[in-house]
Amino acid sequence: MNRQQRKRRRKIRQICTTVILMLLTVVVFAAVLRLKTLSAFKGVYTRTVDMTDEAVLNAAGWLGETLGDEVDPDRIRDLLPEDMNVTIELSFERKGLKRGSYTEAVDEVSYSACRDRVYEAVCACLRELIIKRLTDAGYAENMTDEDADALINEALGMTLDNYIKNAGVELFPDKDGFAADINRAGDYRIKGNSIKWERAGNEVSERFVTDGRSVSFPEAGVLYRRGDK
């Protein structure tokens, strides 16, 4: 074998080595991305549902019926805190590389907190009305919220919010009804960029997108973030 042939063979080996290394790099990179995607399906994710509009509608409607007059929804909105979000938790437990179990449920703490805030806003509206009417009638001057609360407690034998709750007034969606379309659990399997899982007794397949910190389901229009609450 002459020098030119040896040189040519070395060149061919170099090209083959380069191509093989490039292919291995692509395979390893794809495997890393795939493992990163699959690793998203473990741990806890959350999303939130803003209940402000529904709370305002329910509260303004009930106050309007009770008082026999329209209540400005913006006043209810002003009395509500900015955080009227109910948290939904989605947790995954892996039982293999591409399968496992999941649970999705309404966080009861955030649900109860939002529900209480609606009653507090309605009570604040009623307190304002009581103070205004007593003042207009000349029965009270410079009455404070504390004075009004003491008067209401004496008249009702309990706080105004407890009275409203005991009367069965529903100012917030019933917990069981609200959770009926959310609470679910079952098994899941990953195939490509789709997850197959059980929903309402049926197995459905949904496309997902994940970056490791969040996972979204575009068709359903929902986004979950890892560990946020």
Foldseek 3Di string as FASTA:
>chain_A
DDPVVVVVVVVVVVVVVVVVVVVVVVVVVVVVVLLLVLVLQAAKWKDKDACLVLLLVLLQVVCCVVVVHGDPSVLLSVQADPPLIWMKMKGGDDPDSFKGKIWIWTDVVSVVVNQVRSLVSSLVVVLVVVVVVCVVVVNDDPDDSVNSQVVVCVVVVHGPSVVCVVVVRDSDPDRCVVGVQTTDMFMWGDDDQWIWTDHPNDTDIFGWDDDSQKIDGVVVPDIIGHPDD
